[in-house]
Amino acid sequence: MSNNLSAVKKIKVASRNRLQNKTYKLAIKKSIKRYLSNLNNSSEISKNLSIVYQKIDKAIKKGILHKNKGARKKARLTQILNQHTKKI
């Protein structure tokens, strides 16, 4: 542990931000899993997809995810949806 007060504060801020980012990323993962598990339920597909999109967009806005990573996640989710609708 450092003796410099600014370094101590920086460590506290970094650990707080790391926990916040981790919880938000876990929320995104849970919503994606919920979306993928409910692909067979046609009534909730668009609702779950919009929730996932909202969470990804908010993470991009807050700086938790890079904008290209968010776009890649959304593109893959729509690709899965298109493949699933072709099978039906």
PDB file of N, CA and C in Angstrom:
ATOM      1  N   MET A   1       0.846  -1.173   0.000  1.00  0.00           N
ATOM      2  CA  MET A   1       0.000   0.000   0.000  1.00  0.00           C
ATOM      3  C   MET A   1       0.892   1.237   0.000  1.00  0.00           C
ATOM      4  N   SER A   2       0.533   2.214  -0.789  1.00  0.00           N
ATOM      5  CA  SER A   2       1.385   3.393  -0.886  1.00  0.00           C
ATOM      6  C   SER A   2       1.039   4.402   0.201  1.00  0.00           C
ATOM      7  N   ASN A   3       1.982   5.286   0.464  1.00  0.00           N
ATOM      8  CA  ASN A   3       1.793   6.306   1.487  1.00  0.00           C
ATOM      9  C   ASN A   3       1.231   7.594   0.921  1.00  0.00           C
ATOM     10  N   ASN A   4       1.294   7.766  -0.377  1.00  0.00           N
ATOM     11  CA  ASN A   4       0.810   8.973  -1.021  1.00  0.00           C
ATOM     12  C   ASN A   4      -0.717   9.001  -0.979  1.00  0.00           C
ATOM     13  N   LEU A   5      -1.292  10.113  -0.530  1.00  0.00           N
ATOM     14  CA  LEU A   5      -2.742  10.182  -0.379  1.00  0.00           C
ATOM     15  C   LEU A   5      -3.467  10.085  -1.715  1.00  0.00           C
ATOM     16  N   SER A   6      -2.899  10.685  -2.754  1.00  0.00           N
ATOM     17  CA  SER A   6      -3.559  10.622  -4.057  1.00  0.00           C
ATOM     18  C   SER A   6      -3.536   9.200  -4.615  1.00  0.00           C
ATOM     19  N   ALA A   7      -2.465   8.471  -4.320  1.00  0.00           N
ATOM     20  CA  ALA A   7      -2.389   7.079  -4.773  1.00  0.00           C
ATOM     21  C   ALA A   7      -3.391   6.215  -4.022  1.00  0.00           C
ATOM     22  N   VAL A   8      -3.574   6.475  -2.748  1.00  0.00           N
ATOM     23  CA  VAL A   8      -4.537   5.728  -1.946  1.00  0.00           C
ATOM     24  C   VAL A   8      -5.947   5.978  -2.472  1.00  0.00           C
ATOM     25  N   LYS A   9      -6.235   7.253  -2.768  1.00  0.00           N
ATOM     26  CA  LYS A   9      -7.553   7.588  -3.296  1.00  0.00           C
ATOM     27  C   LYS A   9      -7.773   6.936  -4.661  1.00  0.00           C
ATOM     28  N   LYS A  10      -6.748   6.930  -5.480  1.00  0.00           N
ATOM     29  CA  LYS A  10      -6.862   6.326  -6.810  1.00  0.00           C
ATOM     30  C   LYS A  10      -7.140   4.835  -6.712  1.00  0.00           C
ATOM     31  N   ILE A  11      -6.526   4.169  -5.751  1.00  0.00           N
ATOM     32  CA  ILE A  11      -6.771   2.739  -5.544  1.00  0.00           C
ATOM     33  C   ILE A  11      -8.213   2.506  -5.120  1.00  0.00           C
ATOM     34  N   LYS A  12      -8.736   3.356  -4.214  1.00  0.00           N
ATOM     35  CA  LYS A  12     -10.118   3.218  -3.767  1.00  0.00           C
ATOM     36  C   LYS A  12     -11.097   3.436  -4.914  1.00  0.00           C
ATOM     37  N   VAL A  13     -10.838   4.464  -5.723  1.00  0.00           N
ATOM     38  CA  VAL A  13     -11.727   4.779  -6.846  1.00  0.00           C
ATOM     39  C   VAL A  13     -11.692   3.660  -7.882  1.00  0.00           C
ATOM     40  N   ALA A  14     -10.493   3.138  -8.150  1.00  0.00           N
ATOM     41  CA  ALA A  14     -10.369   2.071  -9.141  1.00  0.00           C
ATOM     42  C   ALA A  14     -11.096   0.809  -8.693  1.00  0.00           C
ATOM     43  N   SER A  15     -10.991   0.477  -7.413  1.00  0.00           N
ATOM     44  CA  SER A  15     -11.674  -0.722  -6.929  1.00  0.00           C
ATOM     45  C   SER A  15     -13.191  -0.531  -6.952  1.00  0.00           C
ATOM     46  N   ARG A  16     -13.670   0.666  -6.616  1.00  0.00           N
ATOM     47  CA  ARG A  16     -15.105   0.941  -6.678  1.00  0.00           C
ATOM     48  C   ARG A  16     -15.614   0.833  -8.112  1.00  0.00           C
ATOM     49  N   ASN A  17     -14.892   1.426  -9.045  1.00  0.00           N
ATOM     50  CA  ASN A  17     -15.299   1.380 -10.445  1.00  0.00           C
ATOM     51  C   ASN A  17     -15.248  -0.037 -11.000  1.00  0.00           C
ATOM     52  N   ARG A  18     -14.250  -0.809 -10.572  1.00  0.00           N
ATOM     53  CA  ARG A  18     -14.128  -2.185 -11.032  1.00  0.00           C
ATOM     54  C   ARG A  18     -15.344  -3.005 -10.590  1.00  0.00           C
ATOM     55  N   LEU A  19     -15.804  -2.804  -9.352  1.00  0.00           N
ATOM     56  CA  LEU A  19     -16.971  -3.523  -8.863  1.00  0.00           C
ATOM     57  C   LEU A  19     -18.235  -3.102  -9.610  1.00  0.00           C
ATOM     58  N   GLN A  20     -18.383  -1.798  -9.866  1.00  0.00           N
ATOM     59  CA  GLN A  20     -19.558  -1.319 -10.596  1.00  0.00           C
ATOM     60  C   GLN A  20     -19.571  -1.862 -12.015  1.00  0.00           C
ATOM     61  N   ASN A  21     -18.414  -1.833 -12.664  1.00  0.00           N
ATOM     62  CA  ASN A  21     -18.338  -2.342 -14.031  1.00  0.00           C
ATOM     63  C   ASN A  21     -18.619  -3.842 -14.075  1.00  0.00           C
ATOM     64  N   LYS A  22     -18.119  -4.553 -13.086  1.00  0.00           N
ATOM     65  CA  LYS A  22     -18.312  -6.000 -13.046  1.00  0.00           C
ATOM     66  C   LYS A  22     -19.790  -6.341 -12.884  1.00  0.00           C
ATOM     67  N   THR A  23     -20.493  -5.631 -12.006  1.00  0.00           N
ATOM     68  CA  THR A  23     -21.911  -5.901 -11.810  1.00  0.00           C
ATOM     69  C   THR A  23     -22.695  -5.565 -13.072  1.00  0.00           C
ATOM     70  N   TYR A  24     -22.322  -4.511 -13.764  1.00  0.00           N
ATOM     71  CA  TYR A  24     -23.054  -4.154 -14.972  1.00  0.00           C
ATOM     72  C   TYR A  24     -22.804  -5.167 -16.090  1.00  0.00           C
ATOM     73  N   LYS A  25     -21.564  -5.640 -16.202  1.00  0.00           N
ATOM     74  CA  LYS A  25     -21.268  -6.666 -17.210  1.00  0.00           C
ATOM     75  C   LYS A  25     -22.016  -7.959 -16.908  1.00  0.00           C
ATOM     76  N   LEU A  26     -22.130  -8.309 -15.629  1.00  0.00           N
ATOM     77  CA  LEU A  26     -22.884  -9.504 -15.254  1.00  0.00           C
ATOM     78  C   LEU A  26     -24.366  -9.343 -15.586  1.00  0.00           C
ATOM     79  N   ALA A  27     -24.892  -8.127 -15.418  1.00  0.00           N
ATOM     80  CA  ALA A  27     -26.290  -7.887 -15.765  1.00  0.00           C
ATOM     81  C   ALA A  27     -26.509  -8.060 -17.259  1.00  0.00           C
ATOM     82  N   ILE A  28     -25.544  -7.622 -18.065  1.00  0.00           N
ATOM     83  CA  ILE A  28     -25.637  -7.793 -19.517  1.00  0.00           C
ATOM     84  C   ILE A  28     -25.611  -9.281 -19.864  1.00  0.00           C
ATOM     85  N   LYS A  29     -24.696 -10.040 -19.236  1.00  0.00           N
ATOM     86  CA  LYS A  29     -24.600 -11.470 -19.508  1.00  0.00           C
ATOM     87  C   LYS A  29     -25.890 -12.195 -19.126  1.00  0.00           C
ATOM     88  N   LYS A  30     -26.483 -11.826 -17.981  1.00  0.00           N
ATOM     89  CA  LYS A  30     -27.716 -12.468 -17.550  1.00  0.00           C
ATOM     90  C   LYS A  30     -28.856 -12.160 -18.515  1.00  0.00           C
ATOM     91  N   SER A  31     -28.933 -10.918 -18.988  1.00  0.00           N
ATOM     92  CA  SER A  31     -30.016 -10.578 -19.909  1.00  0.00           C
ATOM     93  C   SER A  31     -29.830 -11.272 -21.253  1.00  0.00           C
ATOM     94  N   ILE A  32     -28.576 -11.464 -21.679  1.00  0.00           N
ATOM     95  CA  ILE A  32     -28.318 -12.195 -22.924  1.00  0.00           C
ATOM     96  C   ILE A  32     -28.716 -13.660 -22.754  1.00  0.00           C
ATOM     97  N   LYS A  33     -28.394 -14.259 -21.617  1.00  0.00           N
ATOM     98  CA  LYS A  33     -28.778 -15.649 -21.373  1.00  0.00           C
ATOM     99  C   LYS A  33     -30.294 -15.789 -21.328  1.00  0.00           C
ATOM    100  N   ARG A  34     -30.974 -14.816 -20.724  1.00  0.00           N
ATOM    101  CA  ARG A  34     -32.432 -14.852 -20.674  1.00  0.00           C
ATOM    102  C   ARG A  34     -33.008 -14.745 -22.077  1.00  0.00           C
ATOM    103  N   TYR A  35     -32.412 -13.889 -22.908  1.00  0.00           N
ATOM    104  CA  TYR A  35     -32.861 -13.739 -24.291  1.00  0.00           C
ATOM    105  C   TYR A  35     -32.661 -15.035 -25.074  1.00  0.00           C
ATOM    106  N   LEU A  36     -31.492 -15.657 -24.929  1.00  0.00           N
ATOM    107  CA  LEU A  36     -31.200 -16.884 -25.674  1.00  0.00           C
ATOM    108  C   LEU A  36     -32.063 -18.048 -25.205  1.00  0.00           C
ATOM    109  N   SER A  37     -32.379 -18.088 -23.921  1.00  0.00           N
ATOM    110  CA  SER A  37     -33.197 -19.189 -23.428  1.00  0.00           C
ATOM    111  C   SER A  37     -34.663 -19.039 -23.844  1.00  0.00           C
ATOM    112  N   ASN A  38     -35.102 -17.816 -24.122  1.00  0.00           N
ATOM    113  CA  ASN A  38     -36.492 -17.583 -24.508  1.00  0.00           C
ATOM    114  C   ASN A  38     -36.667 -17.395 -26.003  1.00  0.00           C
ATOM    115  N   LEU A  39     -35.755 -17.894 -26.816  1.00  0.00           N
ATOM    116  CA  LEU A  39     -35.900 -17.754 -28.264  1.00  0.00           C
ATOM    117  C   LEU A  39     -37.112 -18.515 -28.789  1.00  0.00           C
ATOM    118  N   ASN A  40     -37.490 -19.601 -28.132  1.00  0.00           N
ATOM    119  CA  ASN A  40     -38.639 -20.369 -28.581  1.00  0.00           C
ATOM    120  C   ASN A  40     -39.962 -19.683 -28.248  1.00  0.00           C
ATOM    121  N   ASN A  41     -39.947 -18.810 -27.248  1.00  0.00           N
ATOM    122  CA  ASN A  41     -41.148 -18.093 -26.846  1.00  0.00           C
ATOM    123  C   ASN A  41     -41.254 -16.824 -27.691  1.00  0.00           C
ATOM    124  N   SER A  42     -42.091 -16.847 -28.710  1.00  0.00           N
ATOM    125  CA  SER A  42     -42.134 -15.755 -29.682  1.00  0.00           C
ATOM    126  C   SER A  42     -42.688 -14.456 -29.111  1.00  0.00           C
ATOM    127  N   SER A  43     -43.461 -14.534 -28.029  1.00  0.00           N
ATOM    128  CA  SER A  43     -44.050 -13.315 -27.480  1.00  0.00           C
ATOM    129  C   SER A  43     -43.024 -12.451 -26.751  1.00  0.00           C
ATOM    130  N   GLU A  44     -41.968 -13.057 -26.239  1.00  0.00           N
ATOM    131  CA  GLU A  44     -41.001 -12.302 -25.450  1.00  0.00           C
ATOM    132  C   GLU A  44     -39.691 -12.027 -26.185  1.00  0.00           C
ATOM    133  N   ILE A  45     -39.579 -12.428 -27.430  1.00  0.00           N
ATOM    134  CA  ILE A  45     -38.308 -12.256 -28.140  1.00  0.00           C
ATOM    135  C   ILE A  45     -37.963 -10.787 -28.295  1.00  0.00           C
ATOM    136  N   SER A  46     -38.890  -9.996 -28.818  1.00  0.00           N
ATOM    137  CA  SER A  46     -38.582  -8.589 -29.073  1.00  0.00           C
ATOM    138  C   SER A  46     -38.390  -7.818 -27.776  1.00  0.00           C
ATOM    139  N   LYS A  47     -39.144  -8.175 -26.736  1.00  0.00           N
ATOM    140  CA  LYS A  47     -38.999  -7.502 -25.450  1.00  0.00           C
ATOM    141  C   LYS A  47     -37.621  -7.772 -24.853  1.00  0.00           C
ATOM    142  N   ASN A  48     -37.211  -9.046 -24.873  1.00  0.00           N
ATOM    143  CA  ASN A  48     -35.902  -9.398 -24.320  1.00  0.00           C
ATOM    144  C   ASN A  48     -34.771  -8.797 -25.143  1.00  0.00           C
ATOM    145  N   LEU A  49     -34.936  -8.770 -26.462  1.00  0.00           N
ATOM    146  CA  LEU A  49     -33.893  -8.195 -27.314  1.00  0.00           C
ATOM    147  C   LEU A  49     -33.745  -6.704 -27.049  1.00  0.00           C
ATOM    148  N   SER A  50     -34.858  -6.010 -26.861  1.00  0.00           N
ATOM    149  CA  SER A  50     -34.764  -4.573 -26.593  1.00  0.00           C
ATOM    150  C   SER A  50     -34.124  -4.297 -25.236  1.00  0.00           C
ATOM    151  N   ILE A  51     -34.384  -5.162 -24.262  1.00  0.00           N
ATOM    152  CA  ILE A  51     -33.749  -5.006 -22.942  1.00  0.00           C
ATOM    153  C   ILE A  51     -32.242  -5.182 -23.062  1.00  0.00           C
ATOM    154  N   VAL A  52     -31.819  -6.196 -23.822  1.00  0.00           N
ATOM    155  CA  VAL A  52     -30.384  -6.435 -24.014  1.00  0.00           C
ATOM    156  C   VAL A  52     -29.749  -5.245 -24.733  1.00  0.00           C
ATOM    157  N   TYR A  53     -30.426  -4.743 -25.769  1.00  0.00           N
ATOM    158  CA  TYR A  53     -29.903  -3.585 -26.503  1.00  0.00           C
ATOM    159  C   TYR A  53     -29.763  -2.376 -25.587  1.00  0.00           C
ATOM    160  N   GLN A  54     -30.736  -2.148 -24.726  1.00  0.00           N
ATOM    161  CA  GLN A  54     -30.675  -1.018 -23.805  1.00  0.00           C
ATOM    162  C   GLN A  54     -29.488  -1.146 -22.865  1.00  0.00           C
ATOM    163  N   LYS A  55     -29.294  -2.342 -22.343  1.00  0.00           N
ATOM    164  CA  LYS A  55     -28.180  -2.536 -21.406  1.00  0.00           C
ATOM    165  C   LYS A  55     -26.831  -2.353 -22.103  1.00  0.00           C
ATOM    166  N   ILE A  56     -26.714  -2.865 -23.323  1.00  0.00           N
ATOM    167  CA  ILE A  56     -25.458  -2.725 -24.058  1.00  0.00           C
ATOM    168  C   ILE A  56     -25.202  -1.257 -24.391  1.00  0.00           C
ATOM    169  N   ASP A  57     -26.237  -0.551 -24.845  1.00  0.00           N
ATOM    170  CA  ASP A  57     -26.068   0.861 -25.191  1.00  0.00           C
ATOM    171  C   ASP A  57     -25.705   1.705 -23.984  1.00  0.00           C
ATOM    172  N   LYS A  58     -26.304   1.396 -22.836  1.00  0.00           N
ATOM    173  CA  LYS A  58     -25.985   2.140 -21.625  1.00  0.00           C
ATOM    174  C   LYS A  58     -24.551   1.858 -21.179  1.00  0.00           C
ATOM    175  N   ALA A  59     -24.096   0.611 -21.348  1.00  0.00           N
ATOM    176  CA  ALA A  59     -22.719   0.262 -20.990  1.00  0.00           C
ATOM    177  C   ALA A  59     -21.735   0.999 -21.898  1.00  0.00           C
ATOM    178  N   ILE A  60     -22.084   1.145 -23.162  1.00  0.00           N
ATOM    179  CA  ILE A  60     -21.224   1.890 -24.085  1.00  0.00           C
ATOM    180  C   ILE A  60     -21.172   3.356 -23.672  1.00  0.00           C
ATOM    181  N   LYS A  61     -22.325   3.895 -23.321  1.00  0.00           N
ATOM    182  CA  LYS A  61     -22.403   5.300 -22.936  1.00  0.00           C
ATOM    183  C   LYS A  61     -21.586   5.578 -21.671  1.00  0.00           C
ATOM    184  N   LYS A  62     -21.620   4.637 -20.729  1.00  0.00           N
ATOM    185  CA  LYS A  62     -20.882   4.804 -19.478  1.00  0.00           C
ATOM    186  C   LYS A  62     -19.400   4.488 -19.620  1.00  0.00           C
ATOM    187  N   GLY A  63     -18.997   3.900 -20.746  1.00  0.00           N
ATOM    188  CA  GLY A  63     -17.590   3.574 -20.946  1.00  0.00           C
ATOM    189  C   GLY A  63     -17.204   2.207 -20.426  1.00  0.00           C
ATOM    190  N   ILE A  64     -18.179   1.388 -20.108  1.00  0.00           N
ATOM    191  CA  ILE A  64     -17.890   0.050 -19.604  1.00  0.00           C
ATOM    192  C   ILE A  64     -17.492  -0.864 -20.751  1.00  0.00           C
ATOM    193  N   LEU A  65     -18.187  -0.732 -21.885  1.00  0.00           N
ATOM    194  CA  LEU A  65     -17.865  -1.489 -23.087  1.00  0.00           C
ATOM    195  C   LEU A  65     -17.398  -0.537 -24.183  1.00  0.00           C
ATOM    196  N   HIS A  66     -16.511  -1.012 -25.021  1.00  0.00           N
ATOM    197  CA  HIS A  66     -16.098  -0.254 -26.199  1.00  0.00           C
ATOM    198  C   HIS A  66     -17.229  -0.286 -27.214  1.00  0.00           C
ATOM    199  N   LYS A  67     -17.358   0.765 -27.998  1.00  0.00           N
ATOM    200  CA  LYS A  67     -18.495   0.844 -28.924  1.00  0.00           C
ATOM    201  C   LYS A  67     -18.464  -0.260 -29.966  1.00  0.00           C
ATOM    202  N   ASN A  68     -17.276  -0.675 -30.396  1.00  0.00           N
ATOM    203  CA  ASN A  68     -17.201  -1.756 -31.376  1.00  0.00           C
ATOM    204  C   ASN A  68     -17.603  -3.100 -30.763  1.00  0.00           C
ATOM    205  N   LYS A  69     -17.239  -3.311 -29.502  1.00  0.00           N
ATOM    206  CA  LYS A  69     -17.635  -4.552 -28.838  1.00  0.00           C
ATOM    207  C   LYS A  69     -19.141  -4.605 -28.657  1.00  0.00           C
ATOM    208  N   GLY A  70     -19.734  -3.474 -28.309  1.00  0.00           N
ATOM    209  CA  GLY A  70     -21.184  -3.422 -28.174  1.00  0.00           C
ATOM    210  C   GLY A  70     -21.882  -3.681 -29.493  1.00  0.00           C
ATOM    211  N   ALA A  71     -21.361  -3.094 -30.565  1.00  0.00           N
ATOM    212  CA  ALA A  71     -21.952  -3.310 -31.889  1.00  0.00           C
ATOM    213  C   ALA A  71     -21.813  -4.772 -32.299  1.00  0.00           C
ATOM    214  N   ARG A  72     -20.682  -5.378 -31.974  1.00  0.00           N
ATOM    215  CA  ARG A  72     -20.457  -6.783 -32.315  1.00  0.00           C
ATOM    216  C   ARG A  72     -21.427  -7.687 -31.550  1.00  0.00           C
ATOM    217  N   LYS A  73     -21.653  -7.390 -30.266  1.00  0.00           N
ATOM    218  CA  LYS A  73     -22.590  -8.182 -29.478  1.00  0.00           C
ATOM    219  C   LYS A  73     -24.000  -8.075 -30.045  1.00  0.00           C
ATOM    220  N   LYS A  74     -24.417  -6.855 -30.386  1.00  0.00           N
ATOM    221  CA  LYS A  74     -25.764  -6.668 -30.922  1.00  0.00           C
ATOM    222  C   LYS A  74     -25.915  -7.352 -32.273  1.00  0.00           C
ATOM    223  N   ALA A  75     -24.883  -7.281 -33.108  1.00  0.00           N
ATOM    224  CA  ALA A  75     -24.949  -7.918 -34.423  1.00  0.00           C
ATOM    225  C   ALA A  75     -25.054  -9.434 -34.284  1.00  0.00           C
ATOM    226  N   ARG A  76     -24.322  -9.997 -33.342  1.00  0.00           N
ATOM    227  CA  ARG A  76     -24.375 -11.448 -33.152  1.00  0.00           C
ATOM    228  C   ARG A  76     -25.735 -11.891 -32.613  1.00  0.00           C
ATOM    229  N   LEU A  77     -26.330 -11.065 -31.759  1.00  0.00           N
ATOM    230  CA  LEU A  77     -27.648 -11.407 -31.238  1.00  0.00           C
ATOM    231  C   LEU A  77     -28.703 -11.383 -32.344  1.00  0.00           C
ATOM    232  N   THR A  78     -28.634 -10.385 -33.220  1.00  0.00           N
ATOM    233  CA  THR A  78     -29.598 -10.338 -34.319  1.00  0.00           C
ATOM    234  C   THR A  78     -29.336 -11.465 -35.311  1.00  0.00           C
ATOM    235  N   GLN A  79     -28.077 -11.837 -35.480  1.00  0.00           N
ATOM    236  CA  GLN A  79     -27.742 -12.953 -36.366  1.00  0.00           C
ATOM    237  C   GLN A  79     -28.341 -14.249 -35.823  1.00  0.00           C
ATOM    238  N   ILE A  80     -28.261 -14.455 -34.524  1.00  0.00           N
ATOM    239  CA  ILE A  80     -28.860 -15.634 -33.900  1.00  0.00           C
ATOM    240  C   ILE A  80     -30.374 -15.613 -34.081  1.00  0.00           C
ATOM    241  N   LEU A  81     -30.969 -14.442 -33.918  1.00  0.00           N
ATOM    242  CA  LEU A  81     -32.418 -14.323 -34.095  1.00  0.00           C
ATOM    243  C   LEU A  81     -32.820 -14.638 -35.526  1.00  0.00           C
ATOM    244  N   ASN A  82     -32.060 -14.153 -36.500  1.00  0.00           N
ATOM    245  CA  ASN A  82     -32.378 -14.429 -37.904  1.00  0.00           C
ATOM    246  C   ASN A  82     -32.237 -15.895 -38.227  1.00  0.00           C
ATOM    247  N   GLN A  83     -31.207 -16.543 -37.708  1.00  0.00           N
ATOM    248  CA  GLN A  83     -31.025 -17.976 -37.934  1.00  0.00           C
ATOM    249  C   GLN A  83     -32.170 -18.764 -37.294  1.00  0.00           C
ATOM    250  N   HIS A  84     -32.599 -18.328 -36.145  1.00  0.00           N
ATOM    251  CA  HIS A  84     -33.681 -19.031 -35.450  1.00  0.00           C
ATOM    252  C   HIS A  84     -35.002 -18.868 -36.190  1.00  0.00           C
ATOM    253  N   THR A  85     -35.261 -17.696 -36.737  1.00  0.00           N
ATOM    254  CA  THR A  85     -36.517 -17.495 -37.451  1.00  0.00           C
ATOM    255  C   THR A  85     -36.529 -18.253 -38.787  1.00  0.00           C
ATOM    256  N   LYS A  86     -35.366 -18.468 -39.384  1.00  0.00           N
ATOM    257  CA  LYS A  86     -35.302 -19.260 -40.607  1.00  0.00           C
ATOM    258  C   LYS A  86     -35.655 -20.716 -40.358  1.00  0.00           C
ATOM    259  N   LYS A  87     -35.263 -21.236 -39.183  1.00  0.00           N
ATOM    260  CA  LYS A  87     -35.548 -22.625 -38.845  1.00  0.00           C
ATOM    261  C   LYS A  87     -37.050 -22.849 -38.645  1.00  0.00           C
ATOM    262  N   ILE A  88     -37.720 -21.827 -38.157  1.00  0.00           N
ATOM    263  CA  ILE A  88     -39.159 -21.969 -37.876  1.00  0.00           C
ATOM    264  C   ILE A  88     -39.944 -21.775 -39.113  1.00  0.00           C
TER     265      ILE A  88
END
